[in-house]
Amino acid sequence: MTDNVQAGTIFLIDDHPAVRKGLKLLLQESHRICGEADSTAEALALIDQSGAEIAFLDLSLGDESGLDLIPVIGALGISVLIYSMHEDADTIQKARSAGARGYVSKREPEDILLVAVTELLADRAYLSPRITQALLANPAATPLPRPEALLSEREQQLLAMLGQGDGLQDMAADFGISVRTVETYCNRIITKLSLEGMKELRRFAIKNHRQ
């Protein structure tokens, strides 16, 4: 995890014990796992009093569908993050319509999950790169926000500065932070915008932010 990450409380809902164990190992260094469940009934019995801010929810819970849990959990003031193998646009749209704030494919790298948690804790919706591509490939999909909408205010400022040709040292000096911190911000932007690296980030910034 990078520095200055807000810690959150997370409830896990997945019918595979190995998946829950892996998520706990990944998340518990910076966040608190406040409970877990492997079925709809168990989730409903435990999550209300768990203090969760985010619920990781698989859409396949044995013979049950996690879709039915989304509005119930959302009504408790808990952000729902779908973590699923389902990548078809129809399922994604159903989850979003039911109130899911985030959606991450189980085929994404681990760092995508960490980005998703950070975004939801900041009260921003998040769709992982594979999920975004699935929606963009579907002509009937609900229009997506501009990619920059996924970025924090500071990240948007840095992206605009990159577009004007500023170097990392220039940006570090302007914001009174280290070059290493600027690099961390740039890496976050690259991940959120599904870019290949710094060169592609600069091209994106110049194309969209050069005056």
C-alpha atoms as a PDB file:
ATOM      1  CA  MET A   1       0.000   0.000   0.000  1.00  0.00           C
ATOM      2  CA  THR A   2       1.094   3.577  -0.633  1.00  0.00           C
ATOM      3  CA  ASP A   3       1.266   6.180   2.088  1.00  0.00           C
ATOM      4  CA  ASN A   4      -1.653   8.419   3.135  1.00  0.00           C
ATOM      5  CA  VAL A   5      -4.211   5.672   2.515  1.00  0.00           C
ATOM      6  CA  GLN A   6      -7.433   6.010   4.480  1.00  0.00           C
ATOM      7  CA  ALA A   7      -8.161   2.909   6.543  1.00  0.00           C
ATOM      8  CA  GLY A   8     -11.624   1.424   6.209  1.00  0.00           C
ATOM      9  CA  THR A   9     -13.756  -1.366   7.616  1.00  0.00           C
ATOM     10  CA  ILE A  10     -14.647  -4.102   5.153  1.00  0.00           C
ATOM     11  CA  PHE A  11     -17.126  -7.006   5.238  1.00  0.00           C
ATOM     12  CA  LEU A  12     -16.479  -9.954   2.901  1.00  0.00           C
ATOM     13  CA  ILE A  13     -19.289 -11.918   1.227  1.00  0.00           C
ATOM     14  CA  ASP A  14     -18.046 -14.833  -0.870  1.00  0.00           C
ATOM     15  CA  ASP A  15     -18.889 -18.538  -0.792  1.00  0.00           C
ATOM     16  CA  HIS A  16     -15.272 -19.606  -1.364  1.00  0.00           C
ATOM     17  CA  PRO A  17     -13.200 -19.707   1.866  1.00  0.00           C
ATOM     18  CA  ALA A  18      -9.939 -19.461  -0.100  1.00  0.00           C
ATOM     19  CA  VAL A  19     -11.073 -16.218  -1.733  1.00  0.00           C
ATOM     20  CA  ARG A  20     -12.024 -14.701   1.616  1.00  0.00           C
ATOM     21  CA  LYS A  21      -8.681 -15.764   3.090  1.00  0.00           C
ATOM     22  CA  GLY A  22      -6.801 -14.185   0.194  1.00  0.00           C
ATOM     23  CA  LEU A  23      -8.756 -10.956   0.503  1.00  0.00           C
ATOM     24  CA  LYS A  24      -8.041 -10.768   4.217  1.00  0.00           C
ATOM     25  CA  LEU A  25      -4.313 -11.224   3.625  1.00  0.00           C
ATOM     26  CA  LEU A  26      -4.347  -8.484   1.004  1.00  0.00           C
ATOM     27  CA  LEU A  27      -6.512  -5.955   2.812  1.00  0.00           C
ATOM     28  CA  GLN A  28      -5.810  -6.303   6.511  1.00  0.00           C
ATOM     29  CA  GLU A  29      -2.453  -4.525   6.398  1.00  0.00           C
ATOM     30  CA  SER A  30      -4.217  -1.201   5.824  1.00  0.00           C
ATOM     31  CA  HIS A  31      -7.887  -1.923   6.514  1.00  0.00           C
ATOM     32  CA  ARG A  32      -9.946  -3.760   9.107  1.00  0.00           C
ATOM     33  CA  ILE A  33     -11.952  -6.832   8.138  1.00  0.00           C
ATOM     34  CA  CYS A  34     -15.042  -6.535  10.324  1.00  0.00           C
ATOM     35  CA  GLY A  35     -16.821  -9.722   9.293  1.00  0.00           C
ATOM     36  CA  GLU A  36     -17.450 -12.283   6.589  1.00  0.00           C
ATOM     37  CA  ALA A  37     -20.248 -14.450   5.227  1.00  0.00           C
ATOM     38  CA  ASP A  38     -20.667 -17.200   2.644  1.00  0.00           C
ATOM     39  CA  SER A  39     -24.394 -16.865   1.965  1.00  0.00           C
ATOM     40  CA  THR A  40     -27.198 -14.324   1.690  1.00  0.00           C
ATOM     41  CA  ALA A  41     -28.715 -15.365   5.020  1.00  0.00           C
ATOM     42  CA  GLU A  42     -25.425 -15.136   6.900  1.00  0.00           C
ATOM     43  CA  ALA A  43     -24.629 -11.753   5.350  1.00  0.00           C
ATOM     44  CA  LEU A  44     -28.018 -10.333   6.335  1.00  0.00           C
ATOM     45  CA  ALA A  45     -27.636 -11.657   9.870  1.00  0.00           C
ATOM     46  CA  LEU A  46     -24.194 -10.150  10.460  1.00  0.00           C
ATOM     47  CA  ILE A  47     -23.515  -7.089   8.342  1.00  0.00           C
ATOM     48  CA  ASP A  48     -25.885  -4.578   9.963  1.00  0.00           C
ATOM     49  CA  GLN A  49     -24.019  -4.633  13.286  1.00  0.00           C
ATOM     50  CA  SER A  50     -20.538  -5.079  11.782  1.00  0.00           C
ATOM     51  CA  GLY A  51     -19.668  -1.403  11.367  1.00  0.00           C
ATOM     52  CA  ALA A  52     -18.721  -1.998   7.748  1.00  0.00           C
ATOM     53  CA  GLU A  53     -18.101   0.875   5.375  1.00  0.00           C
ATOM     54  CA  ILE A  54     -17.620  -1.361   2.332  1.00  0.00           C
ATOM     55  CA  ALA A  55     -19.023  -4.794   1.517  1.00  0.00           C
ATOM     56  CA  PHE A  56     -17.058  -6.959  -0.923  1.00  0.00           C
ATOM     57  CA  LEU A  57     -19.771  -8.978  -2.653  1.00  0.00           C
ATOM     58  CA  ASP A  58     -19.495 -11.931  -5.028  1.00  0.00           C
ATOM     59  CA  LEU A  59     -22.485 -12.264  -7.357  1.00  0.00           C
ATOM     60  CA  SER A  60     -22.450 -16.075  -7.257  1.00  0.00           C
ATOM     61  CA  LEU A  61     -23.220 -17.354  -3.763  1.00  0.00           C
ATOM     62  CA  GLY A  62     -23.883 -21.032  -4.361  1.00  0.00           C
ATOM     63  CA  ASP A  63     -27.406 -21.226  -5.741  1.00  0.00           C
ATOM     64  CA  GLU A  64     -28.124 -17.622  -4.735  1.00  0.00           C
ATOM     65  CA  SER A  65     -27.488 -14.351  -6.527  1.00  0.00           C
ATOM     66  CA  GLY A  66     -25.610 -11.573  -4.815  1.00  0.00           C
ATOM     67  CA  LEU A  67     -27.601  -9.063  -6.880  1.00  0.00           C
ATOM     68  CA  ASP A  68     -30.456  -9.345  -4.397  1.00  0.00           C
ATOM     69  CA  LEU A  69     -28.185  -8.210  -1.564  1.00  0.00           C
ATOM     70  CA  ILE A  70     -27.014  -4.986  -3.207  1.00  0.00           C
ATOM     71  CA  PRO A  71     -30.008  -2.726  -2.408  1.00  0.00           C
ATOM     72  CA  VAL A  72     -30.382  -4.201   1.075  1.00  0.00           C
ATOM     73  CA  ILE A  73     -26.759  -3.530   1.972  1.00  0.00           C
ATOM     74  CA  GLY A  74     -26.855  -0.123   0.320  1.00  0.00           C
ATOM     75  CA  ALA A  75     -29.861   0.842   2.434  1.00  0.00           C
ATOM     76  CA  LEU A  76     -27.665   0.313   5.516  1.00  0.00           C
ATOM     77  CA  GLY A  77     -25.307   3.037   4.301  1.00  0.00           C
ATOM     78  CA  ILE A  78     -22.642   0.530   3.264  1.00  0.00           C
ATOM     79  CA  SER A  79     -20.932   0.877  -0.124  1.00  0.00           C
ATOM     80  CA  VAL A  80     -21.136  -2.305  -2.188  1.00  0.00           C
ATOM     81  CA  LEU A  81     -18.073  -3.370  -4.174  1.00  0.00           C
ATOM     82  CA  ILE A  82     -18.791  -6.251  -6.532  1.00  0.00           C
ATOM     83  CA  TYR A  83     -15.860  -8.665  -6.806  1.00  0.00           C
ATOM     84  CA  SER A  84     -16.860 -11.224  -9.391  1.00  0.00           C
ATOM     85  CA  MET A  85     -15.870 -13.351 -12.368  1.00  0.00           C
ATOM     86  CA  HIS A  86     -18.885 -11.989 -14.264  1.00  0.00           C
ATOM     87  CA  GLU A  87     -17.664  -9.497 -16.859  1.00  0.00           C
ATOM     88  CA  ASP A  88     -20.669  -9.310 -19.200  1.00  0.00           C
ATOM     89  CA  ALA A  89     -22.192  -5.864 -19.659  1.00  0.00           C
ATOM     90  CA  ASP A  90     -25.711  -7.026 -18.760  1.00  0.00           C
ATOM     91  CA  THR A  91     -24.668  -8.280 -15.317  1.00  0.00           C
ATOM     92  CA  ILE A  92     -22.525  -5.210 -14.704  1.00  0.00           C
ATOM     93  CA  GLN A  93     -25.416  -2.907 -15.527  1.00  0.00           C
ATOM     94  CA  LYS A  94     -27.786  -4.856 -13.294  1.00  0.00           C
ATOM     95  CA  ALA A  95     -25.345  -4.507 -10.401  1.00  0.00           C
ATOM     96  CA  ARG A  96     -24.934  -0.778 -11.018  1.00  0.00           C
ATOM     97  CA  SER A  97     -28.685  -0.277 -11.305  1.00  0.00           C
ATOM     98  CA  ALA A  98     -29.174  -2.129  -8.011  1.00  0.00           C
ATOM     99  CA  GLY A  99     -26.843   0.342  -6.332  1.00  0.00           C
ATOM    100  CA  ALA A 100     -23.321  -1.130  -6.462  1.00  0.00           C
ATOM    101  CA  ARG A 101     -20.734   1.640  -6.068  1.00  0.00           C
ATOM    102  CA  GLY A 102     -17.842  -0.373  -7.460  1.00  0.00           C
ATOM    103  CA  TYR A 103     -17.192  -3.393  -9.658  1.00  0.00           C
ATOM    104  CA  VAL A 104     -13.901  -5.273  -9.972  1.00  0.00           C
ATOM    105  CA  SER A 105     -13.233  -8.407 -11.988  1.00  0.00           C
ATOM    106  CA  LYS A 106     -11.580 -11.269 -10.134  1.00  0.00           C
ATOM    107  CA  ARG A 107      -9.151 -11.417 -13.049  1.00  0.00           C
ATOM    108  CA  GLU A 108      -7.708  -7.968 -12.235  1.00  0.00           C
ATOM    109  CA  PRO A 109      -4.331  -7.543 -10.477  1.00  0.00           C
ATOM    110  CA  GLU A 110      -4.423  -7.120  -6.697  1.00  0.00           C
ATOM    111  CA  ASP A 111      -3.517  -3.433  -6.834  1.00  0.00           C
ATOM    112  CA  ILE A 112      -6.778  -2.721  -8.643  1.00  0.00           C
ATOM    113  CA  LEU A 113      -8.669  -3.924  -5.568  1.00  0.00           C
ATOM    114  CA  LEU A 114      -6.705  -1.553  -3.375  1.00  0.00           C
ATOM    115  CA  VAL A 115      -7.480   1.338  -5.715  1.00  0.00           C
ATOM    116  CA  ALA A 116     -11.163   0.398  -5.622  1.00  0.00           C
ATOM    117  CA  VAL A 117     -11.245   0.462  -1.821  1.00  0.00           C
ATOM    118  CA  THR A 118      -9.547   3.864  -1.752  1.00  0.00           C
ATOM    119  CA  GLU A 119     -12.071   5.270  -4.215  1.00  0.00           C
ATOM    120  CA  LEU A 120     -15.118   3.964  -2.384  1.00  0.00           C
ATOM    121  CA  LEU A 121     -13.828   5.252   0.956  1.00  0.00           C
ATOM    122  CA  ALA A 122     -13.552   8.671  -0.707  1.00  0.00           C
ATOM    123  CA  ASP A 123     -17.213   8.321  -1.757  1.00  0.00           C
ATOM    124  CA  ARG A 124     -16.355   7.881  -5.429  1.00  0.00           C
ATOM    125  CA  ALA A 125     -17.683   5.130  -7.677  1.00  0.00           C
ATOM    126  CA  TYR A 126     -15.131   2.811  -9.265  1.00  0.00           C
ATOM    127  CA  LEU A 127     -15.131   0.431 -12.230  1.00  0.00           C
ATOM    128  CA  SER A 128     -12.009  -1.632 -12.830  1.00  0.00           C
ATOM    129  CA  PRO A 129     -10.287  -1.565 -16.245  1.00  0.00           C
ATOM    130  CA  ARG A 130     -11.738  -4.898 -17.443  1.00  0.00           C
ATOM    131  CA  ILE A 131     -15.225  -3.854 -16.372  1.00  0.00           C
ATOM    132  CA  THR A 132     -14.902  -0.469 -18.045  1.00  0.00           C
ATOM    133  CA  GLN A 133     -13.793  -2.138 -21.281  1.00  0.00           C
ATOM    134  CA  ALA A 134     -16.739  -4.548 -21.139  1.00  0.00           C
ATOM    135  CA  LEU A 135     -19.148  -1.635 -20.936  1.00  0.00           C
ATOM    136  CA  LEU A 136     -17.412   0.366 -23.647  1.00  0.00           C
ATOM    137  CA  ALA A 137     -17.596  -2.660 -25.958  1.00  0.00           C
ATOM    138  CA  ASN A 138     -21.373  -2.828 -25.508  1.00  0.00           C
ATOM    139  CA  PRO A 139     -23.205  -0.234 -27.657  1.00  0.00           C
ATOM    140  CA  ALA A 140     -26.238  -0.460 -25.365  1.00  0.00           C
ATOM    141  CA  ALA A 141     -24.222   0.271 -22.217  1.00  0.00           C
ATOM    142  CA  THR A 142     -25.013   3.286 -20.094  1.00  0.00           C
ATOM    143  CA  PRO A 143     -22.616   6.116 -20.982  1.00  0.00           C
ATOM    144  CA  LEU A 144     -19.569   6.161 -18.723  1.00  0.00           C
ATOM    145  CA  PRO A 145     -18.116   9.290 -17.141  1.00  0.00           C
ATOM    146  CA  ARG A 146     -14.926  10.768 -18.564  1.00  0.00           C
ATOM    147  CA  PRO A 147     -11.935   8.768 -17.315  1.00  0.00           C
ATOM    148  CA  GLU A 148     -10.714  11.783 -15.328  1.00  0.00           C
ATOM    149  CA  ALA A 149     -13.815  11.484 -13.141  1.00  0.00           C
ATOM    150  CA  LEU A 150     -12.064   8.536 -11.467  1.00  0.00           C
ATOM    151  CA  LEU A 151      -9.209  10.770 -10.318  1.00  0.00           C
ATOM    152  CA  SER A 152      -8.854  12.719  -7.087  1.00  0.00           C
ATOM    153  CA  GLU A 153      -8.537  16.507  -7.240  1.00  0.00           C
ATOM    154  CA  ARG A 154      -4.751  16.336  -6.788  1.00  0.00           C
ATOM    155  CA  GLU A 155      -4.437  13.651  -9.469  1.00  0.00           C
ATOM    156  CA  GLN A 156      -6.442  15.805 -11.896  1.00  0.00           C
ATOM    157  CA  GLN A 157      -4.159  18.757 -11.155  1.00  0.00           C
ATOM    158  CA  LEU A 158      -1.055  16.687 -11.843  1.00  0.00           C
ATOM    159  CA  LEU A 159      -2.577  15.309 -15.052  1.00  0.00           C
ATOM    160  CA  ALA A 160      -3.243  18.841 -16.273  1.00  0.00           C
ATOM    161  CA  MET A 161       0.335  19.864 -15.447  1.00  0.00           C
ATOM    162  CA  LEU A 162       1.672  16.872 -17.372  1.00  0.00           C
ATOM    163  CA  GLY A 163      -0.400  18.032 -20.315  1.00  0.00           C
ATOM    164  CA  GLN A 164       1.300  21.420 -20.162  1.00  0.00           C
ATOM    165  CA  GLY A 165       4.711  19.748 -20.317  1.00  0.00           C
ATOM    166  CA  ASP A 166       5.716  20.082 -16.658  1.00  0.00           C
ATOM    167  CA  GLY A 167       8.261  17.567 -15.377  1.00  0.00           C
ATOM    168  CA  LEU A 168       8.053  15.576 -12.169  1.00  0.00           C
ATOM    169  CA  GLN A 169      10.501  17.906 -10.397  1.00  0.00           C
ATOM    170  CA  ASP A 170       8.454  20.950 -11.432  1.00  0.00           C
ATOM    171  CA  MET A 171       5.285  19.427 -10.034  1.00  0.00           C
ATOM    172  CA  ALA A 172       7.012  18.375  -6.827  1.00  0.00           C
ATOM    173  CA  ALA A 173       8.264  21.922  -6.304  1.00  0.00           C
ATOM    174  CA  ASP A 174       4.860  23.483  -7.026  1.00  0.00           C
ATOM    175  CA  PHE A 175       3.069  21.276  -4.499  1.00  0.00           C
ATOM    176  CA  GLY A 176       5.863  21.110  -1.928  1.00  0.00           C
ATOM    177  CA  ILE A 177       6.098  17.318  -2.098  1.00  0.00           C
ATOM    178  CA  SER A 178       8.841  14.880  -3.052  1.00  0.00           C
ATOM    179  CA  VAL A 179       9.444  13.604  -6.572  1.00  0.00           C
ATOM    180  CA  ARG A 180       8.773  10.114  -5.237  1.00  0.00           C
ATOM    181  CA  THR A 181       5.319  11.210  -4.066  1.00  0.00           C
ATOM    182  CA  VAL A 182       4.627  12.675  -7.516  1.00  0.00           C
ATOM    183  CA  GLU A 183       5.655   9.329  -9.026  1.00  0.00           C
ATOM    184  CA  THR A 184       3.221   7.584  -6.674  1.00  0.00           C
ATOM    185  CA  TYR A 185       0.411   9.859  -7.844  1.00  0.00           C
ATOM    186  CA  CYS A 186       1.334   9.199 -11.473  1.00  0.00           C
ATOM    187  CA  ASN A 187       1.281   5.444 -10.904  1.00  0.00           C
ATOM    188  CA  ARG A 188      -2.198   5.750  -9.389  1.00  0.00           C
ATOM    189  CA  ILE A 189      -3.370   7.719 -12.424  1.00  0.00           C
ATOM    190  CA  ILE A 190      -1.897   5.112 -14.767  1.00  0.00           C
ATOM    191  CA  THR A 191      -3.756   2.353 -12.912  1.00  0.00           C
ATOM    192  CA  LYS A 192      -7.077   4.205 -12.797  1.00  0.00           C
ATOM    193  CA  LEU A 193      -6.977   5.157 -16.499  1.00  0.00           C
ATOM    194  CA  SER A 194      -5.783   1.696 -17.618  1.00  0.00           C
ATOM    195  CA  LEU A 195      -2.683   3.115 -19.275  1.00  0.00           C
ATOM    196  CA  GLU A 196       0.494   1.180 -20.082  1.00  0.00           C
ATOM    197  CA  GLY A 197       3.028   3.428 -18.379  1.00  0.00           C
ATOM    198  CA  MET A 198       4.467   6.915 -18.042  1.00  0.00           C
ATOM    199  CA  LYS A 199       4.895   7.506 -21.778  1.00  0.00           C
ATOM    200  CA  GLU A 200       1.245   6.707 -22.457  1.00  0.00           C
ATOM    201  CA  LEU A 201       0.217   8.857 -19.484  1.00  0.00           C
ATOM    202  CA  ARG A 202       2.068  11.834 -20.954  1.00  0.00           C
ATOM    203  CA  ARG A 203       0.452  11.264 -24.351  1.00  0.00           C
ATOM    204  CA  PHE A 204      -2.986  11.078 -22.718  1.00  0.00           C
ATOM    205  CA  ALA A 205      -2.319  14.237 -20.716  1.00  0.00           C
ATOM    206  CA  ILE A 206      -1.080  16.198 -23.747  1.00  0.00           C
ATOM    207  CA  LYS A 207      -4.028  15.066 -25.869  1.00  0.00           C
ATOM    208  CA  ASN A 208      -6.627  16.016 -23.269  1.00  0.00           C
ATOM    209  CA  HIS A 209      -5.082  18.918 -21.362  1.00  0.00           C
ATOM    210  CA  ARG A 210      -2.737  20.886 -23.649  1.00  0.00           C
ATOM    211  CA  GLN A 211      -4.072  24.423 -24.084  1.00  0.00           C
END
